[in-house]
Amino acid sequence: MNRSAGKLNLAAHDNLLKTRQIPTRVTRQLISWAPAIGWATVLFLLSSLSDSDLSTFSFSFPFDDKVMHLALYSVLGGTLQFGRLNSRSGMAHWTLIAIGIIYGVSDEWHQSFVPGRNPSIADLLADAIGVLMGYAFTYWLLSKRDVGVLGYRKR
C-alpha cells in the first residue's frame, strides 16, 4: 500500500470522528468480541451433539475428526485475534491464546457428559494447534491494515 492510500484512510477516519459515526467504546467492544462469543457458542452446541448425531458431519479420511477440531478451533483463534485488534483492548497475545486453549479443555470436559462422546488429549492438541494457527493467520492478515476493520485508526 502506498502512503497516499494510508493517508486517505486516516483522513476518512478523522472525518468519521468529527461526524461521530464511529461506534462508542462499549458498542465497539461488543461488536469486536461478538464473533468470538458467537463461535464459542457454536462450538458448545456442536460439542453437545451425541456421537450418532455427529456422524452426519464425518468424512471418510484418516484423522478426519482431528482435522475438524483443528479447523473449528482455528476459527476461534481468528475471532479472538479479531476481537483484540478491533477492540483495542491491549490484551496480551498469550492471554487470548490461553483463553482459546482453556476453552478447548472445557469443551473436552463437557464432552465427557454427552452420550457417546469422550474427552481426548489428541482432540485437545488439535484444538490448541487450531487456536494458534487461526490466531497467527488473523494477526498476519489484519495487522497489515492502517485502519481497523470497524473503521477506526489503529494505535
N, C-alpha and C. Protein backbone atom coordinates (compact mmCIF):
# COMPACT_ATOMS: atom_id res chain seq x y z
N MET A 1 0.85 -1.16 0.00
CA MET A 1 0.00 0.00 0.00
C MET A 1 0.90 1.23 0.00
N ASN A 2 0.58 2.21 -0.84
CA ASN A 2 1.39 3.42 -0.86
C ASN A 2 0.95 4.37 0.25
N ARG A 3 1.77 5.38 0.51
CA ARG A 3 1.50 6.29 1.63
C ARG A 3 0.23 7.10 1.42
N SER A 4 -0.05 7.49 0.17
CA SER A 4 -1.23 8.32 -0.05
C SER A 4 -2.51 7.55 0.28
N ALA A 5 -2.53 6.24 0.01
CA ALA A 5 -3.72 5.45 0.35
C ALA A 5 -3.89 5.39 1.86
N GLY A 6 -2.78 5.27 2.60
CA GLY A 6 -2.85 5.25 4.05
C GLY A 6 -3.35 6.57 4.60
N LYS A 7 -2.90 7.68 4.00
CA LYS A 7 -3.35 8.99 4.45
C LYS A 7 -4.83 9.18 4.15
N LEU A 8 -5.28 8.63 3.02
CA LEU A 8 -6.69 8.73 2.67
C LEU A 8 -7.53 8.00 3.72
N ASN A 9 -7.09 6.81 4.12
CA ASN A 9 -7.82 6.05 5.13
C ASN A 9 -7.85 6.81 6.46
N LEU A 10 -6.74 7.42 6.83
CA LEU A 10 -6.69 8.17 8.08
C LEU A 10 -7.55 9.43 8.00
N ALA A 11 -7.58 10.05 6.83
CA ALA A 11 -8.44 11.23 6.66
C ALA A 11 -9.90 10.83 6.77
N ALA A 12 -10.26 9.69 6.18
CA ALA A 12 -11.64 9.21 6.28
C ALA A 12 -11.97 8.91 7.74
N HIS A 13 -11.01 8.35 8.46
CA HIS A 13 -11.23 8.06 9.87
C HIS A 13 -11.47 9.34 10.66
N ASP A 14 -10.64 10.36 10.41
CA ASP A 14 -10.80 11.63 11.11
C ASP A 14 -12.16 12.26 10.81
N ASN A 15 -12.62 12.11 9.56
CA ASN A 15 -13.94 12.63 9.19
C ASN A 15 -15.04 11.89 9.95
N LEU A 16 -14.90 10.57 10.09
CA LEU A 16 -15.88 9.80 10.86
C LEU A 16 -15.89 10.25 12.31
N LEU A 17 -14.71 10.55 12.85
CA LEU A 17 -14.65 11.03 14.23
C LEU A 17 -15.42 12.34 14.39
N LYS A 18 -15.25 13.24 13.43
CA LYS A 18 -15.91 14.54 13.51
C LYS A 18 -17.43 14.41 13.40
N THR A 19 -17.88 13.47 12.59
CA THR A 19 -19.33 13.30 12.41
C THR A 19 -19.91 12.31 13.41
N ARG A 20 -19.06 11.76 14.28
CA ARG A 20 -19.48 10.83 15.35
C ARG A 20 -20.17 9.58 14.80
N GLN A 21 -19.70 9.08 13.68
CA GLN A 21 -20.26 7.86 13.12
C GLN A 21 -19.52 6.62 13.57
N ILE A 22 -18.44 6.81 14.29
CA ILE A 22 -17.71 5.66 14.82
C ILE A 22 -18.44 5.19 16.07
N PRO A 23 -18.60 3.88 16.23
CA PRO A 23 -19.32 3.37 17.39
C PRO A 23 -18.68 3.81 18.71
N THR A 24 -19.49 3.92 19.73
CA THR A 24 -18.98 4.24 21.05
C THR A 24 -18.07 3.11 21.52
N ARG A 25 -17.32 3.35 22.57
CA ARG A 25 -16.38 2.35 23.06
C ARG A 25 -17.08 1.04 23.44
N VAL A 26 -18.21 1.14 24.12
CA VAL A 26 -18.94 -0.07 24.53
C VAL A 26 -19.46 -0.81 23.31
N THR A 27 -20.02 -0.08 22.36
CA THR A 27 -20.52 -0.71 21.14
C THR A 27 -19.38 -1.38 20.39
N ARG A 28 -18.25 -0.69 20.30
CA ARG A 28 -17.09 -1.25 19.60
C ARG A 28 -16.63 -2.53 20.29
N GLN A 29 -16.61 -2.54 21.62
CA GLN A 29 -16.21 -3.74 22.36
C GLN A 29 -17.16 -4.90 22.04
N LEU A 30 -18.46 -4.62 22.06
CA LEU A 30 -19.45 -5.66 21.78
C LEU A 30 -19.30 -6.20 20.36
N ILE A 31 -19.16 -5.30 19.40
CA ILE A 31 -19.02 -5.72 18.01
C ILE A 31 -17.72 -6.50 17.81
N SER A 32 -16.67 -6.07 18.47
CA SER A 32 -15.36 -6.71 18.31
C SER A 32 -15.33 -8.13 18.85
N TRP A 33 -15.96 -8.35 20.00
CA TRP A 33 -15.89 -9.66 20.64
C TRP A 33 -17.07 -10.57 20.29
N ALA A 34 -18.10 -10.04 19.63
CA ALA A 34 -19.27 -10.85 19.28
C ALA A 34 -18.92 -12.08 18.44
N PRO A 35 -18.03 -11.97 17.43
CA PRO A 35 -17.70 -13.19 16.68
C PRO A 35 -17.10 -14.29 17.54
N ALA A 36 -16.22 -13.94 18.48
CA ALA A 36 -15.61 -14.96 19.35
C ALA A 36 -16.65 -15.60 20.26
N ILE A 37 -17.52 -14.77 20.82
CA ILE A 37 -18.58 -15.30 21.70
C ILE A 37 -19.54 -16.17 20.90
N GLY A 38 -19.90 -15.69 19.71
CA GLY A 38 -20.80 -16.47 18.86
C GLY A 38 -20.19 -17.80 18.45
N TRP A 39 -18.91 -17.79 18.07
CA TRP A 39 -18.27 -19.03 17.65
C TRP A 39 -18.09 -19.99 18.83
N ALA A 40 -17.79 -19.47 20.01
CA ALA A 40 -17.69 -20.32 21.20
C ALA A 40 -19.03 -20.99 21.46
N THR A 41 -20.12 -20.28 21.21
CA THR A 41 -21.46 -20.85 21.38
C THR A 41 -21.68 -21.97 20.37
N VAL A 42 -21.27 -21.75 19.12
CA VAL A 42 -21.40 -22.79 18.09
C VAL A 42 -20.61 -24.03 18.51
N LEU A 43 -19.39 -23.83 18.99
CA LEU A 43 -18.58 -24.97 19.44
C LEU A 43 -19.25 -25.72 20.58
N PHE A 44 -19.84 -24.99 21.52
CA PHE A 44 -20.53 -25.63 22.63
C PHE A 44 -21.70 -26.47 22.12
N LEU A 45 -22.46 -25.91 21.18
CA LEU A 45 -23.61 -26.64 20.64
C LEU A 45 -23.16 -27.89 19.88
N LEU A 46 -22.10 -27.78 19.09
CA LEU A 46 -21.57 -28.95 18.38
C LEU A 46 -21.06 -29.99 19.37
N SER A 47 -20.46 -29.54 20.44
CA SER A 47 -19.94 -30.44 21.46
C SER A 47 -21.06 -31.16 22.20
N SER A 48 -22.25 -30.58 22.18
CA SER A 48 -23.39 -31.17 22.87
C SER A 48 -24.07 -32.27 22.07
N LEU A 49 -23.69 -32.41 20.79
CA LEU A 49 -24.29 -33.45 19.95
C LEU A 49 -23.73 -34.81 20.33
N SER A 50 -24.59 -35.81 20.29
CA SER A 50 -24.13 -37.17 20.58
C SER A 50 -23.31 -37.69 19.41
N ASP A 51 -22.65 -38.81 19.63
CA ASP A 51 -21.80 -39.41 18.60
C ASP A 51 -22.61 -39.74 17.35
N SER A 52 -23.82 -40.25 17.53
CA SER A 52 -24.65 -40.60 16.37
C SER A 52 -25.08 -39.36 15.60
N ASP A 53 -25.35 -38.25 16.31
CA ASP A 53 -25.72 -37.01 15.63
C ASP A 53 -24.55 -36.44 14.83
N LEU A 54 -23.34 -36.64 15.32
CA LEU A 54 -22.16 -36.11 14.65
C LEU A 54 -21.77 -36.91 13.41
N SER A 55 -22.31 -38.11 13.25
CA SER A 55 -21.93 -38.94 12.11
C SER A 55 -22.27 -38.26 10.78
N THR A 56 -23.24 -37.34 10.77
CA THR A 56 -23.57 -36.62 9.54
C THR A 56 -22.45 -35.65 9.14
N PHE A 57 -21.60 -35.25 10.10
CA PHE A 57 -20.51 -34.32 9.82
C PHE A 57 -19.19 -35.03 9.52
N SER A 58 -19.17 -36.35 9.60
CA SER A 58 -17.90 -37.06 9.44
C SER A 58 -17.54 -37.22 7.97
N PHE A 59 -16.24 -37.28 7.74
CA PHE A 59 -15.71 -37.50 6.40
C PHE A 59 -15.05 -38.86 6.39
N SER A 60 -14.60 -39.29 5.25
CA SER A 60 -14.03 -40.63 5.18
C SER A 60 -12.54 -40.58 4.85
N PHE A 61 -11.77 -39.91 5.66
CA PHE A 61 -10.33 -39.95 5.52
C PHE A 61 -9.72 -40.06 6.91
N PRO A 62 -8.49 -40.54 6.99
CA PRO A 62 -7.87 -40.74 8.30
C PRO A 62 -7.78 -39.44 9.10
N PHE A 63 -8.04 -39.52 10.35
CA PHE A 63 -7.95 -38.39 11.29
C PHE A 63 -8.90 -37.24 10.93
N ASP A 64 -10.04 -37.57 10.32
CA ASP A 64 -10.98 -36.52 9.94
C ASP A 64 -11.49 -35.74 11.14
N ASP A 65 -11.65 -36.40 12.28
CA ASP A 65 -12.12 -35.68 13.47
C ASP A 65 -11.07 -34.68 13.97
N LYS A 66 -9.80 -35.03 13.84
CA LYS A 66 -8.73 -34.11 14.28
C LYS A 66 -8.67 -32.90 13.34
N VAL A 67 -8.87 -33.13 12.06
CA VAL A 67 -8.89 -32.02 11.09
C VAL A 67 -10.06 -31.10 11.39
N MET A 68 -11.20 -31.67 11.76
CA MET A 68 -12.37 -30.84 12.10
C MET A 68 -12.08 -30.02 13.36
N HIS A 69 -11.48 -30.64 14.37
CA HIS A 69 -11.12 -29.89 15.59
C HIS A 69 -10.17 -28.75 15.23
N LEU A 70 -9.16 -29.04 14.43
CA LEU A 70 -8.19 -28.03 14.03
C LEU A 70 -8.89 -26.88 13.30
N ALA A 71 -9.76 -27.20 12.36
CA ALA A 71 -10.45 -26.16 11.58
C ALA A 71 -11.39 -25.34 12.46
N LEU A 72 -12.18 -26.00 13.29
CA LEU A 72 -13.14 -25.29 14.13
C LEU A 72 -12.45 -24.38 15.14
N TYR A 73 -11.36 -24.85 15.71
CA TYR A 73 -10.66 -24.03 16.70
C TYR A 73 -9.76 -22.98 16.06
N SER A 74 -9.41 -23.16 14.79
CA SER A 74 -8.69 -22.07 14.12
C SER A 74 -9.62 -20.88 13.91
N VAL A 75 -10.89 -21.15 13.70
CA VAL A 75 -11.87 -20.05 13.61
C VAL A 75 -11.96 -19.34 14.96
N LEU A 76 -11.97 -20.10 16.05
CA LEU A 76 -12.00 -19.47 17.37
C LEU A 76 -10.76 -18.59 17.58
N GLY A 77 -9.59 -19.11 17.23
CA GLY A 77 -8.36 -18.32 17.35
C GLY A 77 -8.43 -17.05 16.52
N GLY A 78 -8.96 -17.16 15.32
CA GLY A 78 -9.09 -15.99 14.46
C GLY A 78 -10.05 -14.96 15.02
N THR A 79 -11.15 -15.41 15.59
CA THR A 79 -12.11 -14.46 16.15
C THR A 79 -11.56 -13.80 17.42
N LEU A 80 -10.73 -14.52 18.16
CA LEU A 80 -10.09 -13.90 19.33
C LEU A 80 -9.12 -12.80 18.90
N GLN A 81 -8.35 -13.06 17.86
CA GLN A 81 -7.44 -12.03 17.35
C GLN A 81 -8.22 -10.86 16.75
N PHE A 82 -9.31 -11.14 16.06
CA PHE A 82 -10.17 -10.09 15.51
C PHE A 82 -10.66 -9.19 16.65
N GLY A 83 -11.10 -9.80 17.73
CA GLY A 83 -11.57 -9.02 18.87
C GLY A 83 -10.48 -8.16 19.46
N ARG A 84 -9.28 -8.71 19.58
CA ARG A 84 -8.16 -7.96 20.15
C ARG A 84 -7.81 -6.77 19.27
N LEU A 85 -7.68 -7.00 17.98
CA LEU A 85 -7.27 -5.92 17.09
C LEU A 85 -8.32 -4.82 16.98
N ASN A 86 -9.59 -5.20 16.98
CA ASN A 86 -10.63 -4.21 16.76
C ASN A 86 -11.17 -3.56 18.02
N SER A 87 -10.98 -4.20 19.16
CA SER A 87 -11.46 -3.59 20.40
C SER A 87 -10.40 -2.67 20.99
N ARG A 88 -9.18 -2.81 20.50
CA ARG A 88 -8.03 -2.06 21.03
C ARG A 88 -7.87 -2.32 22.53
N SER A 89 -8.10 -3.56 22.92
CA SER A 89 -8.05 -3.90 24.34
C SER A 89 -6.63 -3.92 24.89
N GLY A 90 -5.66 -4.17 24.04
CA GLY A 90 -4.28 -4.25 24.52
C GLY A 90 -4.00 -5.52 25.30
N MET A 91 -4.93 -6.46 25.27
CA MET A 91 -4.73 -7.72 25.97
C MET A 91 -3.55 -8.47 25.34
N ALA A 92 -2.75 -9.09 26.16
CA ALA A 92 -1.57 -9.81 25.67
C ALA A 92 -1.98 -10.97 24.77
N HIS A 93 -1.15 -11.22 23.76
CA HIS A 93 -1.44 -12.32 22.83
C HIS A 93 -1.55 -13.64 23.57
N TRP A 94 -0.60 -13.90 24.47
CA TRP A 94 -0.60 -15.19 25.16
C TRP A 94 -1.87 -15.37 25.98
N THR A 95 -2.43 -14.28 26.49
CA THR A 95 -3.66 -14.38 27.29
C THR A 95 -4.81 -14.88 26.43
N LEU A 96 -4.94 -14.33 25.24
CA LEU A 96 -6.04 -14.76 24.37
C LEU A 96 -5.82 -16.17 23.84
N ILE A 97 -4.58 -16.51 23.54
CA ILE A 97 -4.30 -17.88 23.11
C ILE A 97 -4.63 -18.85 24.25
N ALA A 98 -4.26 -18.48 25.47
CA ALA A 98 -4.58 -19.32 26.64
C ALA A 98 -6.09 -19.45 26.82
N ILE A 99 -6.83 -18.36 26.60
CA ILE A 99 -8.30 -18.42 26.71
C ILE A 99 -8.85 -19.42 25.69
N GLY A 100 -8.34 -19.38 24.46
CA GLY A 100 -8.79 -20.31 23.43
C GLY A 100 -8.49 -21.76 23.80
N ILE A 101 -7.29 -22.00 24.32
CA ILE A 101 -6.91 -23.36 24.70
C ILE A 101 -7.70 -23.83 25.92
N ILE A 102 -7.89 -22.95 26.88
CA ILE A 102 -8.70 -23.31 28.06
C ILE A 102 -10.14 -23.62 27.64
N TYR A 103 -10.64 -22.88 26.66
CA TYR A 103 -11.98 -23.20 26.15
C TYR A 103 -11.98 -24.60 25.55
N GLY A 104 -10.90 -24.98 24.86
CA GLY A 104 -10.79 -26.34 24.33
C GLY A 104 -10.79 -27.38 25.43
N VAL A 105 -10.10 -27.09 26.53
CA VAL A 105 -10.09 -28.00 27.69
C VAL A 105 -11.50 -28.15 28.24
N SER A 106 -12.20 -27.02 28.39
CA SER A 106 -13.57 -27.08 28.93
C SER A 106 -14.50 -27.82 27.97
N ASP A 107 -14.24 -27.69 26.67
CA ASP A 107 -15.04 -28.39 25.67
C ASP A 107 -14.84 -29.90 25.78
N GLU A 108 -13.60 -30.31 25.95
CA GLU A 108 -13.32 -31.75 26.11
C GLU A 108 -13.96 -32.28 27.40
N TRP A 109 -13.90 -31.51 28.46
CA TRP A 109 -14.54 -31.92 29.72
C TRP A 109 -16.05 -32.01 29.52
N HIS A 110 -16.63 -31.04 28.82
CA HIS A 110 -18.07 -31.03 28.55
C HIS A 110 -18.47 -32.29 27.79
N GLN A 111 -17.63 -32.74 26.86
CA GLN A 111 -17.95 -33.93 26.07
C GLN A 111 -18.04 -35.19 26.93
N SER A 112 -17.42 -35.18 28.09
CA SER A 112 -17.48 -36.37 28.95
C SER A 112 -18.89 -36.60 29.49
N PHE A 113 -19.75 -35.57 29.41
CA PHE A 113 -21.13 -35.70 29.88
C PHE A 113 -22.12 -35.99 28.74
N VAL A 114 -21.63 -36.02 27.51
CA VAL A 114 -22.50 -36.23 26.35
C VAL A 114 -22.46 -37.71 25.97
N PRO A 115 -23.64 -38.34 25.79
CA PRO A 115 -23.68 -39.77 25.44
C PRO A 115 -22.89 -40.07 24.16
N GLY A 116 -22.04 -41.07 24.24
CA GLY A 116 -21.27 -41.49 23.08
C GLY A 116 -20.04 -40.64 22.80
N ARG A 117 -19.76 -39.66 23.63
CA ARG A 117 -18.60 -38.78 23.43
C ARG A 117 -17.62 -38.97 24.58
N ASN A 118 -16.36 -38.83 24.29
CA ASN A 118 -15.31 -38.97 25.30
C ASN A 118 -14.29 -37.86 25.12
N PRO A 119 -13.74 -37.35 26.22
CA PRO A 119 -12.65 -36.37 26.09
C PRO A 119 -11.40 -37.05 25.53
N SER A 120 -10.60 -36.29 24.82
CA SER A 120 -9.42 -36.86 24.19
C SER A 120 -8.27 -35.85 24.22
N ILE A 121 -7.10 -36.32 24.62
CA ILE A 121 -5.91 -35.48 24.60
C ILE A 121 -5.55 -35.11 23.16
N ALA A 122 -5.73 -36.05 22.23
CA ALA A 122 -5.44 -35.77 20.82
C ALA A 122 -6.36 -34.67 20.28
N ASP A 123 -7.63 -34.70 20.67
CA ASP A 123 -8.55 -33.63 20.26
C ASP A 123 -8.12 -32.29 20.86
N LEU A 124 -7.71 -32.32 22.12
CA LEU A 124 -7.26 -31.09 22.78
C LEU A 124 -6.01 -30.53 22.09
N LEU A 125 -5.11 -31.40 21.68
CA LEU A 125 -3.92 -30.96 20.95
C LEU A 125 -4.32 -30.32 19.62
N ALA A 126 -5.26 -30.94 18.92
CA ALA A 126 -5.75 -30.36 17.66
C ALA A 126 -6.43 -29.01 17.91
N ASP A 127 -7.18 -28.91 19.01
CA ASP A 127 -7.81 -27.64 19.37
C ASP A 127 -6.76 -26.55 19.60
N ALA A 128 -5.73 -26.89 20.36
CA ALA A 128 -4.68 -25.91 20.69
C ALA A 128 -3.93 -25.46 19.44
N ILE A 129 -3.58 -26.41 18.58
CA ILE A 129 -2.89 -26.05 17.34
C ILE A 129 -3.80 -25.20 16.47
N GLY A 130 -5.09 -25.53 16.43
CA GLY A 130 -6.04 -24.73 15.67
C GLY A 130 -6.14 -23.31 16.18
N VAL A 131 -6.21 -23.13 17.49
CA VAL A 131 -6.26 -21.78 18.08
C VAL A 131 -5.02 -20.99 17.67
N LEU A 132 -3.85 -21.61 17.79
CA LEU A 132 -2.60 -20.93 17.42
C LEU A 132 -2.57 -20.56 15.94
N MET A 133 -2.98 -21.49 15.09
CA MET A 133 -2.95 -21.22 13.64
C MET A 133 -3.92 -20.11 13.26
N GLY A 134 -5.15 -20.18 13.76
CA GLY A 134 -6.13 -19.16 13.43
C GLY A 134 -5.75 -17.80 13.97
N TYR A 135 -5.20 -17.78 15.17
CA TYR A 135 -4.78 -16.52 15.79
C TYR A 135 -3.65 -15.89 14.98
N ALA A 136 -2.65 -16.70 14.64
CA ALA A 136 -1.49 -16.19 13.89
C ALA A 136 -1.90 -15.72 12.49
N PHE A 137 -2.73 -16.50 11.81
CA PHE A 137 -3.16 -16.12 10.47
C PHE A 137 -3.95 -14.82 10.48
N THR A 138 -4.86 -14.68 11.43
CA THR A 138 -5.67 -13.46 11.51
C THR A 138 -4.80 -12.27 11.90
N TYR A 139 -3.83 -12.48 12.77
CA TYR A 139 -2.90 -11.41 13.12
C TYR A 139 -2.16 -10.94 11.87
N TRP A 140 -1.65 -11.88 11.11
CA TRP A 140 -0.92 -11.56 9.89
C TRP A 140 -1.83 -10.82 8.90
N LEU A 141 -3.04 -11.29 8.76
CA LEU A 141 -3.98 -10.71 7.79
C LEU A 141 -4.42 -9.30 8.18
N LEU A 142 -4.81 -9.12 9.45
CA LEU A 142 -5.38 -7.84 9.86
C LEU A 142 -4.36 -6.81 10.32
N SER A 143 -3.18 -7.24 10.71
CA SER A 143 -2.20 -6.27 11.22
C SER A 143 -1.59 -5.43 10.11
N LYS A 144 -1.81 -5.79 8.87
CA LYS A 144 -1.28 -5.03 7.75
C LYS A 144 -2.12 -3.80 7.43
N ARG A 145 -3.26 -3.66 8.04
CA ARG A 145 -4.17 -2.56 7.73
C ARG A 145 -3.86 -1.32 8.57
N ASP A 146 -3.98 -0.13 7.95
CA ASP A 146 -3.81 1.13 8.68
C ASP A 146 -5.03 1.44 9.53
N VAL A 147 -6.18 1.03 9.03
CA VAL A 147 -7.44 1.31 9.70
C VAL A 147 -8.07 -0.02 10.05
N GLY A 148 -8.60 -0.16 11.25
CA GLY A 148 -9.22 -1.40 11.69
C GLY A 148 -10.43 -1.76 10.85
N VAL A 149 -10.84 -3.00 10.94
CA VAL A 149 -11.98 -3.50 10.19
C VAL A 149 -13.23 -2.68 10.49
N LEU A 150 -13.36 -2.20 11.71
CA LEU A 150 -14.55 -1.44 12.09
C LEU A 150 -14.45 0.04 11.73
N GLY A 151 -13.36 0.45 11.08
CA GLY A 151 -13.27 1.80 10.55
C GLY A 151 -12.58 2.83 11.41
N TYR A 152 -11.90 2.46 12.46
CA TYR A 152 -11.20 3.44 13.28
C TYR A 152 -9.70 3.21 13.15
N ARG A 153 -8.95 4.22 13.47
CA ARG A 153 -7.50 4.16 13.35
C ARG A 153 -6.92 3.26 14.43
N LYS A 154 -5.97 2.44 14.02
CA LYS A 154 -5.28 1.60 14.99
C LYS A 154 -4.31 2.44 15.79
N ARG A 155 -3.94 1.93 16.96
CA ARG A 155 -2.93 2.63 17.77
C ARG A 155 -1.59 2.58 17.12
